[in-house]
Amino acid sequence: MTIPKPLVQINQSFIVLSVIAGLILSPAILLLPFAVGVYTLITKKNPVIMAARPLLKKPANEYIQEDRDQQLFNQWIATVCLGLSLVFFSAGITAAAYFFSIMVMAAAGIALMGYCIGCTIRYRLMMMKHNRTRTN
């Protein structure tokens, strides 16, 4: 299953902008992308992507497609990091909170520029798993 790239980019932009707003205005704003992430991981349906789907000008299959499983993997990473950031903000450990927030923002921003850090991580994990099963 695949997702049109413009919808993935809208989701990445949502993450970048909401994290920036959370870091500048109030860490409570980070609850929004965290909640979207949790919802997405539970239902396998991203509300940001679903809301943006009507904005596509062409039929969905006419766009470059992104792998759904890869996007869910990336969502896991972002959601865990945002969750850790929220925990650290709540505990008053602001340096760690900023670190995890900035990691999410940077990864989504870099993905918007064309390089997917989550893809590299997932690829390496898959290769490690493959190599282990091959040698056993």
N, C-alpha and C. Protein backbone atom coordinates (compact mmCIF):
# COMPACT_ATOMS: atom_id res chain seq x y z
N MET A 1 0.84 -1.18 0.00
CA MET A 1 0.00 0.00 0.00
C MET A 1 0.89 1.25 0.00
N THR A 2 0.44 2.28 -0.66
CA THR A 2 1.25 3.49 -0.82
C THR A 2 0.46 4.75 -0.48
N ILE A 3 1.20 5.84 -0.31
CA ILE A 3 0.62 7.15 0.00
C ILE A 3 1.24 8.15 -0.97
N PRO A 4 0.42 8.99 -1.61
CA PRO A 4 0.99 10.01 -2.51
C PRO A 4 1.96 10.92 -1.76
N LYS A 5 3.10 11.17 -2.39
CA LYS A 5 4.17 11.96 -1.76
C LYS A 5 3.72 13.33 -1.27
N PRO A 6 2.87 14.07 -2.00
CA PRO A 6 2.45 15.38 -1.47
C PRO A 6 1.74 15.27 -0.11
N LEU A 7 1.01 14.18 0.11
CA LEU A 7 0.34 14.01 1.40
C LEU A 7 1.36 13.72 2.51
N VAL A 8 2.38 12.95 2.18
CA VAL A 8 3.45 12.69 3.14
C VAL A 8 4.15 14.01 3.48
N GLN A 9 4.38 14.84 2.48
CA GLN A 9 5.06 16.12 2.71
C GLN A 9 4.20 17.06 3.54
N ILE A 10 2.89 17.01 3.37
CA ILE A 10 2.00 17.83 4.21
C ILE A 10 2.12 17.38 5.66
N ASN A 11 2.16 16.08 5.88
CA ASN A 11 2.31 15.56 7.24
C ASN A 11 3.66 15.97 7.84
N GLN A 12 4.71 15.89 7.04
CA GLN A 12 6.03 16.31 7.52
C GLN A 12 6.03 17.81 7.86
N SER A 13 5.39 18.61 7.03
CA SER A 13 5.30 20.05 7.29
C SER A 13 4.52 20.32 8.57
N PHE A 14 3.44 19.58 8.77
CA PHE A 14 2.65 19.70 10.01
C PHE A 14 3.53 19.43 11.22
N ILE A 15 4.35 18.39 11.14
CA ILE A 15 5.23 18.05 12.26
C ILE A 15 6.24 19.17 12.51
N VAL A 16 6.89 19.62 11.45
CA VAL A 16 7.90 20.68 11.59
C VAL A 16 7.27 21.94 12.20
N LEU A 17 6.15 22.38 11.64
CA LEU A 17 5.52 23.62 12.11
C LEU A 17 4.99 23.50 13.53
N SER A 18 4.40 22.36 13.86
CA SER A 18 3.85 22.21 15.22
C SER A 18 4.97 22.10 16.26
N VAL A 19 6.08 21.48 15.90
CA VAL A 19 7.20 21.42 16.85
C VAL A 19 7.81 22.80 17.03
N ILE A 20 7.97 23.54 15.95
CA ILE A 20 8.48 24.92 16.07
C ILE A 20 7.55 25.74 16.98
N ALA A 21 6.25 25.63 16.75
CA ALA A 21 5.28 26.37 17.59
C ALA A 21 5.38 25.91 19.04
N GLY A 22 5.54 24.60 19.24
CA GLY A 22 5.66 24.08 20.60
C GLY A 22 6.89 24.57 21.32
N LEU A 23 7.98 24.71 20.59
CA LEU A 23 9.22 25.17 21.21
C LEU A 23 9.23 26.67 21.44
N ILE A 24 8.55 27.42 20.57
CA ILE A 24 8.53 28.88 20.70
C ILE A 24 7.41 29.36 21.63
N LEU A 25 6.22 28.80 21.45
CA LEU A 25 5.05 29.31 22.19
C LEU A 25 4.80 28.56 23.50
N SER A 26 4.63 27.25 23.39
CA SER A 26 4.33 26.45 24.59
C SER A 26 4.54 24.98 24.28
N PRO A 27 5.26 24.27 25.14
CA PRO A 27 5.46 22.83 24.93
C PRO A 27 4.14 22.04 24.86
N ALA A 28 3.06 22.60 25.40
CA ALA A 28 1.76 21.92 25.34
C ALA A 28 1.31 21.70 23.90
N ILE A 29 1.78 22.53 22.99
CA ILE A 29 1.43 22.37 21.57
C ILE A 29 1.94 21.04 21.03
N LEU A 30 3.01 20.51 21.64
CA LEU A 30 3.56 19.22 21.20
C LEU A 30 2.57 18.08 21.41
N LEU A 31 1.55 18.31 22.24
CA LEU A 31 0.51 17.29 22.43
C LEU A 31 -0.23 17.02 21.13
N LEU A 32 -0.34 18.03 20.27
CA LEU A 32 -1.08 17.86 19.01
C LEU A 32 -0.39 16.86 18.08
N PRO A 33 0.88 17.06 17.70
CA PRO A 33 1.50 16.06 16.83
C PRO A 33 1.67 14.70 17.54
N PHE A 34 1.83 14.73 18.86
CA PHE A 34 1.92 13.47 19.61
C PHE A 34 0.60 12.71 19.52
N ALA A 35 -0.51 13.41 19.73
CA ALA A 35 -1.84 12.77 19.65
C ALA A 35 -2.12 12.25 18.24
N VAL A 36 -1.75 13.04 17.23
CA VAL A 36 -1.92 12.58 15.84
C VAL A 36 -1.09 11.32 15.62
N GLY A 37 0.12 11.29 16.14
CA GLY A 37 0.98 10.13 16.00
C GLY A 37 0.40 8.89 16.67
N VAL A 38 -0.07 9.05 17.90
CA VAL A 38 -0.66 7.91 18.62
C VAL A 38 -1.89 7.41 17.86
N TYR A 39 -2.75 8.32 17.44
CA TYR A 39 -3.95 7.94 16.68
C TYR A 39 -3.56 7.18 15.41
N THR A 40 -2.56 7.69 14.71
CA THR A 40 -2.10 7.07 13.47
C THR A 40 -1.58 5.66 13.72
N LEU A 41 -0.80 5.49 14.76
CA LEU A 41 -0.22 4.18 15.05
C LEU A 41 -1.29 3.17 15.49
N ILE A 42 -2.32 3.65 16.17
CA ILE A 42 -3.39 2.75 16.61
C ILE A 42 -4.31 2.37 15.45
N THR A 43 -4.69 3.35 14.65
CA THR A 43 -5.69 3.11 13.59
C THR A 43 -5.08 2.84 12.22
N LYS A 44 -3.80 3.15 12.06
CA LYS A 44 -3.11 3.08 10.76
C LYS A 44 -3.69 4.09 9.76
N LYS A 45 -4.33 5.14 10.30
CA LYS A 45 -4.89 6.22 9.47
C LYS A 45 -4.44 7.54 10.05
N ASN A 46 -3.74 8.33 9.25
CA ASN A 46 -3.22 9.61 9.70
C ASN A 46 -4.26 10.70 9.42
N PRO A 47 -4.77 11.38 10.47
CA PRO A 47 -5.79 12.40 10.25
C PRO A 47 -5.31 13.59 9.41
N VAL A 48 -4.03 13.92 9.50
CA VAL A 48 -3.49 15.03 8.70
C VAL A 48 -3.53 14.64 7.23
N ILE A 49 -3.12 13.43 6.92
CA ILE A 49 -3.14 12.95 5.54
C ILE A 49 -4.57 12.82 5.04
N MET A 50 -5.46 12.30 5.89
CA MET A 50 -6.87 12.16 5.47
C MET A 50 -7.49 13.53 5.19
N ALA A 51 -7.17 14.52 6.04
CA ALA A 51 -7.72 15.87 5.84
C ALA A 51 -7.17 16.53 4.58
N ALA A 52 -5.92 16.21 4.23
CA ALA A 52 -5.28 16.84 3.08
C ALA A 52 -5.62 16.16 1.76
N ARG A 53 -6.11 14.94 1.79
CA ARG A 53 -6.39 14.18 0.56
C ARG A 53 -7.23 14.95 -0.45
N PRO A 54 -8.29 15.68 -0.03
CA PRO A 54 -9.08 16.44 -1.02
C PRO A 54 -8.30 17.56 -1.71
N LEU A 55 -7.15 17.93 -1.17
CA LEU A 55 -6.35 19.00 -1.78
C LEU A 55 -5.56 18.54 -3.01
N LEU A 56 -5.47 17.22 -3.20
CA LEU A 56 -4.75 16.72 -4.38
C LEU A 56 -5.45 17.17 -5.65
N LYS A 57 -4.68 17.67 -6.60
CA LYS A 57 -5.25 18.18 -7.85
C LYS A 57 -5.43 17.09 -8.90
N LYS A 58 -4.63 16.02 -8.76
CA LYS A 58 -4.71 14.90 -9.70
C LYS A 58 -5.17 13.67 -8.92
N PRO A 59 -5.56 12.61 -9.63
CA PRO A 59 -5.86 11.36 -8.94
C PRO A 59 -4.63 10.90 -8.14
N ALA A 60 -4.86 10.31 -6.98
CA ALA A 60 -3.78 9.93 -6.07
C ALA A 60 -2.71 9.07 -6.73
N ASN A 61 -3.12 8.19 -7.62
CA ASN A 61 -2.16 7.26 -8.25
C ASN A 61 -1.26 7.93 -9.28
N GLU A 62 -1.49 9.20 -9.60
CA GLU A 62 -0.65 9.91 -10.55
C GLU A 62 0.54 10.61 -9.89
N TYR A 63 0.63 10.53 -8.59
CA TYR A 63 1.75 11.12 -7.86
C TYR A 63 2.80 10.05 -7.54
N ILE A 64 4.02 10.49 -7.28
CA ILE A 64 5.04 9.58 -6.75
C ILE A 64 4.49 9.03 -5.45
N GLN A 65 4.68 7.73 -5.24
CA GLN A 65 4.11 7.08 -4.07
C GLN A 65 5.18 6.80 -3.01
N GLU A 66 4.77 6.87 -1.76
CA GLU A 66 5.63 6.55 -0.62
C GLU A 66 5.07 5.28 0.04
N ASP A 67 5.96 4.46 0.56
CA ASP A 67 5.57 3.20 1.19
C ASP A 67 4.85 3.45 2.51
N ARG A 68 3.67 2.88 2.67
CA ARG A 68 2.87 3.07 3.88
C ARG A 68 3.59 2.51 5.11
N ASP A 69 4.17 1.33 4.99
CA ASP A 69 4.87 0.74 6.14
C ASP A 69 6.05 1.59 6.58
N GLN A 70 6.74 2.18 5.62
CA GLN A 70 7.85 3.07 5.96
C GLN A 70 7.34 4.29 6.70
N GLN A 71 6.21 4.84 6.25
CA GLN A 71 5.65 6.01 6.91
C GLN A 71 5.20 5.69 8.33
N LEU A 72 4.68 4.49 8.54
CA LEU A 72 4.30 4.08 9.89
C LEU A 72 5.54 3.92 10.78
N PHE A 73 6.61 3.38 10.22
CA PHE A 73 7.87 3.27 10.96
C PHE A 73 8.36 4.66 11.36
N ASN A 74 8.34 5.59 10.42
CA ASN A 74 8.76 6.96 10.70
C ASN A 74 7.87 7.59 11.77
N GLN A 75 6.56 7.27 11.70
CA GLN A 75 5.62 7.82 12.68
C GLN A 75 5.92 7.28 14.08
N TRP A 76 6.33 6.01 14.16
CA TRP A 76 6.74 5.44 15.45
C TRP A 76 7.90 6.24 16.04
N ILE A 77 8.90 6.48 15.23
CA ILE A 77 10.07 7.22 15.71
C ILE A 77 9.65 8.62 16.20
N ALA A 78 8.89 9.33 15.38
CA ALA A 78 8.48 10.69 15.73
C ALA A 78 7.61 10.70 17.00
N THR A 79 6.70 9.76 17.10
CA THR A 79 5.78 9.72 18.24
C THR A 79 6.52 9.39 19.53
N VAL A 80 7.44 8.44 19.48
CA VAL A 80 8.23 8.10 20.66
C VAL A 80 9.07 9.31 21.09
N CYS A 81 9.72 9.95 20.14
CA CYS A 81 10.55 11.12 20.47
C CYS A 81 9.71 12.27 21.02
N LEU A 82 8.54 12.51 20.44
CA LEU A 82 7.66 13.57 20.96
C LEU A 82 7.15 13.21 22.36
N GLY A 83 6.83 11.93 22.55
CA GLY A 83 6.40 11.49 23.88
C GLY A 83 7.49 11.70 24.92
N LEU A 84 8.73 11.35 24.57
CA LEU A 84 9.85 11.57 25.47
C LEU A 84 10.03 13.07 25.75
N SER A 85 9.89 13.87 24.73
CA SER A 85 10.01 15.31 24.90
C SER A 85 8.96 15.82 25.88
N LEU A 86 7.74 15.37 25.73
CA LEU A 86 6.67 15.80 26.64
C LEU A 86 6.95 15.36 28.08
N VAL A 87 7.42 14.13 28.23
CA VAL A 87 7.77 13.63 29.57
C VAL A 87 8.87 14.49 30.18
N PHE A 88 9.89 14.77 29.39
CA PHE A 88 11.01 15.57 29.90
C PHE A 88 10.58 17.01 30.23
N PHE A 89 9.71 17.60 29.40
CA PHE A 89 9.20 18.93 29.73
C PHE A 89 8.43 18.88 31.04
N SER A 90 7.60 17.86 31.21
CA SER A 90 6.82 17.72 32.45
C SER A 90 7.71 17.54 33.67
N ALA A 91 8.84 16.86 33.49
CA ALA A 91 9.77 16.60 34.59
C ALA A 91 10.75 17.75 34.82
N GLY A 92 10.66 18.77 33.98
CA GLY A 92 11.56 19.91 34.13
C GLY A 92 12.96 19.68 33.59
N ILE A 93 13.12 18.63 32.78
CA ILE A 93 14.43 18.33 32.18
C ILE A 93 14.41 18.91 30.76
N THR A 94 14.52 20.22 30.69
CA THR A 94 14.28 20.92 29.43
C THR A 94 15.33 20.62 28.36
N ALA A 95 16.57 20.40 28.74
CA ALA A 95 17.59 20.12 27.72
C ALA A 95 17.24 18.85 26.95
N ALA A 96 16.85 17.80 27.65
CA ALA A 96 16.45 16.55 27.00
C ALA A 96 15.17 16.75 26.20
N ALA A 97 14.24 17.54 26.74
CA ALA A 97 12.98 17.81 26.04
C ALA A 97 13.24 18.50 24.71
N TYR A 98 14.09 19.52 24.74
CA TYR A 98 14.44 20.22 23.50
C TYR A 98 15.16 19.29 22.53
N PHE A 99 16.06 18.48 23.06
CA PHE A 99 16.81 17.54 22.21
C PHE A 99 15.87 16.65 21.40
N PHE A 100 14.90 16.01 22.07
CA PHE A 100 14.00 15.09 21.36
C PHE A 100 13.06 15.83 20.42
N SER A 101 12.61 17.01 20.81
CA SER A 101 11.76 17.80 19.91
C SER A 101 12.52 18.22 18.66
N ILE A 102 13.73 18.70 18.87
CA ILE A 102 14.53 19.15 17.74
C ILE A 102 14.90 17.98 16.82
N MET A 103 15.12 16.81 17.40
CA MET A 103 15.39 15.62 16.56
C MET A 103 14.22 15.34 15.62
N VAL A 104 13.00 15.40 16.15
CA VAL A 104 11.80 15.16 15.33
C VAL A 104 11.69 16.23 14.25
N MET A 105 11.85 17.47 14.65
CA MET A 105 11.75 18.58 13.70
C MET A 105 12.82 18.47 12.61
N ALA A 106 14.02 18.15 13.00
CA ALA A 106 15.12 18.03 12.03
C ALA A 106 14.88 16.86 11.08
N ALA A 107 14.45 15.72 11.60
CA ALA A 107 14.22 14.56 10.74
C ALA A 107 13.12 14.85 9.73
N ALA A 108 12.03 15.48 10.18
CA ALA A 108 10.94 15.81 9.25
C ALA A 108 11.39 16.88 8.25
N GLY A 109 12.16 17.85 8.72
CA GLY A 109 12.67 18.90 7.82
C GLY A 109 13.62 18.34 6.78
N ILE A 110 14.51 17.47 7.20
CA ILE A 110 15.45 16.85 6.26
C ILE A 110 14.70 15.97 5.26
N ALA A 111 13.65 15.29 5.73
CA ALA A 111 12.83 14.47 4.82
C ALA A 111 12.16 15.35 3.76
N LEU A 112 11.75 16.54 4.16
CA LEU A 112 11.16 17.47 3.19
C LEU A 112 12.17 17.88 2.12
N MET A 113 13.44 17.84 2.49
CA MET A 113 14.50 18.17 1.52
C MET A 113 14.92 16.97 0.69
N GLY A 114 14.39 15.80 1.01
CA GLY A 114 14.64 14.64 0.15
C GLY A 114 15.39 13.47 0.76
N TYR A 115 15.85 13.59 2.01
CA TYR A 115 16.56 12.47 2.62
C TYR A 115 15.79 11.97 3.84
N CYS A 116 15.46 10.70 3.84
CA CYS A 116 14.67 10.12 4.90
C CYS A 116 15.57 9.37 5.89
N ILE A 117 15.75 9.95 7.06
CA ILE A 117 16.57 9.32 8.09
C ILE A 117 15.91 8.02 8.57
N GLY A 118 14.59 8.05 8.75
CA GLY A 118 13.86 6.85 9.17
C GLY A 118 14.00 5.72 8.17
N CYS A 119 14.08 6.06 6.89
CA CYS A 119 14.26 5.04 5.84
C CYS A 119 15.61 4.36 5.99
N THR A 120 16.62 5.15 6.29
CA THR A 120 17.97 4.59 6.48
C THR A 120 17.99 3.67 7.70
N ILE A 121 17.37 4.11 8.78
CA ILE A 121 17.32 3.29 10.00
C ILE A 121 16.59 1.98 9.72
N ARG A 122 15.42 2.08 9.08
CA ARG A 122 14.63 0.87 8.79
C ARG A 122 15.38 -0.07 7.86
N TYR A 123 16.03 0.47 6.84
CA TYR A 123 16.80 -0.35 5.91
C TYR A 123 17.89 -1.11 6.65
N ARG A 124 18.62 -0.41 7.50
CA ARG A 124 19.71 -1.07 8.24
C ARG A 124 19.18 -2.14 9.18
N LEU A 125 18.05 -1.88 9.82
CA LEU A 125 17.44 -2.89 10.69
C LEU A 125 17.00 -4.12 9.89
N MET A 126 16.42 -3.87 8.73
CA MET A 126 15.99 -4.98 7.87
C MET A 126 17.19 -5.79 7.38
N MET A 127 18.28 -5.12 7.05
CA MET A 127 19.48 -5.83 6.60
C MET A 127 20.09 -6.64 7.74
N MET A 128 20.11 -6.08 8.94
CA MET A 128 20.63 -6.83 10.09
C MET A 128 19.79 -8.08 10.33
N LYS A 129 18.47 -7.93 10.26
CA LYS A 129 17.58 -9.07 10.44
C LYS A 129 17.81 -10.12 9.35
N HIS A 130 17.94 -9.68 8.13
CA HIS A 130 18.17 -10.57 7.00
C HIS A 130 19.49 -11.32 7.17
N ASN A 131 20.54 -10.60 7.54
CA ASN A 131 21.85 -11.22 7.71
C ASN A 131 21.88 -12.22 8.86
N ARG A 132 21.13 -11.94 9.91
CA ARG A 132 21.04 -12.87 11.03
C ARG A 132 20.35 -14.17 10.63
N THR A 133 19.27 -14.05 9.87
CA THR A 133 18.52 -15.26 9.47
C THR A 133 19.31 -16.06 8.45
N ARG A 134 20.13 -15.38 7.68
CA ARG A 134 20.95 -16.05 6.65
C ARG A 134 22.10 -16.84 7.27
N THR A 135 22.67 -16.32 8.36
CA THR A 135 23.82 -16.98 8.96
C THR A 135 23.42 -18.06 9.96
N ASN A 136 22.19 -18.10 10.37
CA ASN A 136 21.73 -19.13 11.34
C ASN A 136 21.22 -20.36 10.66
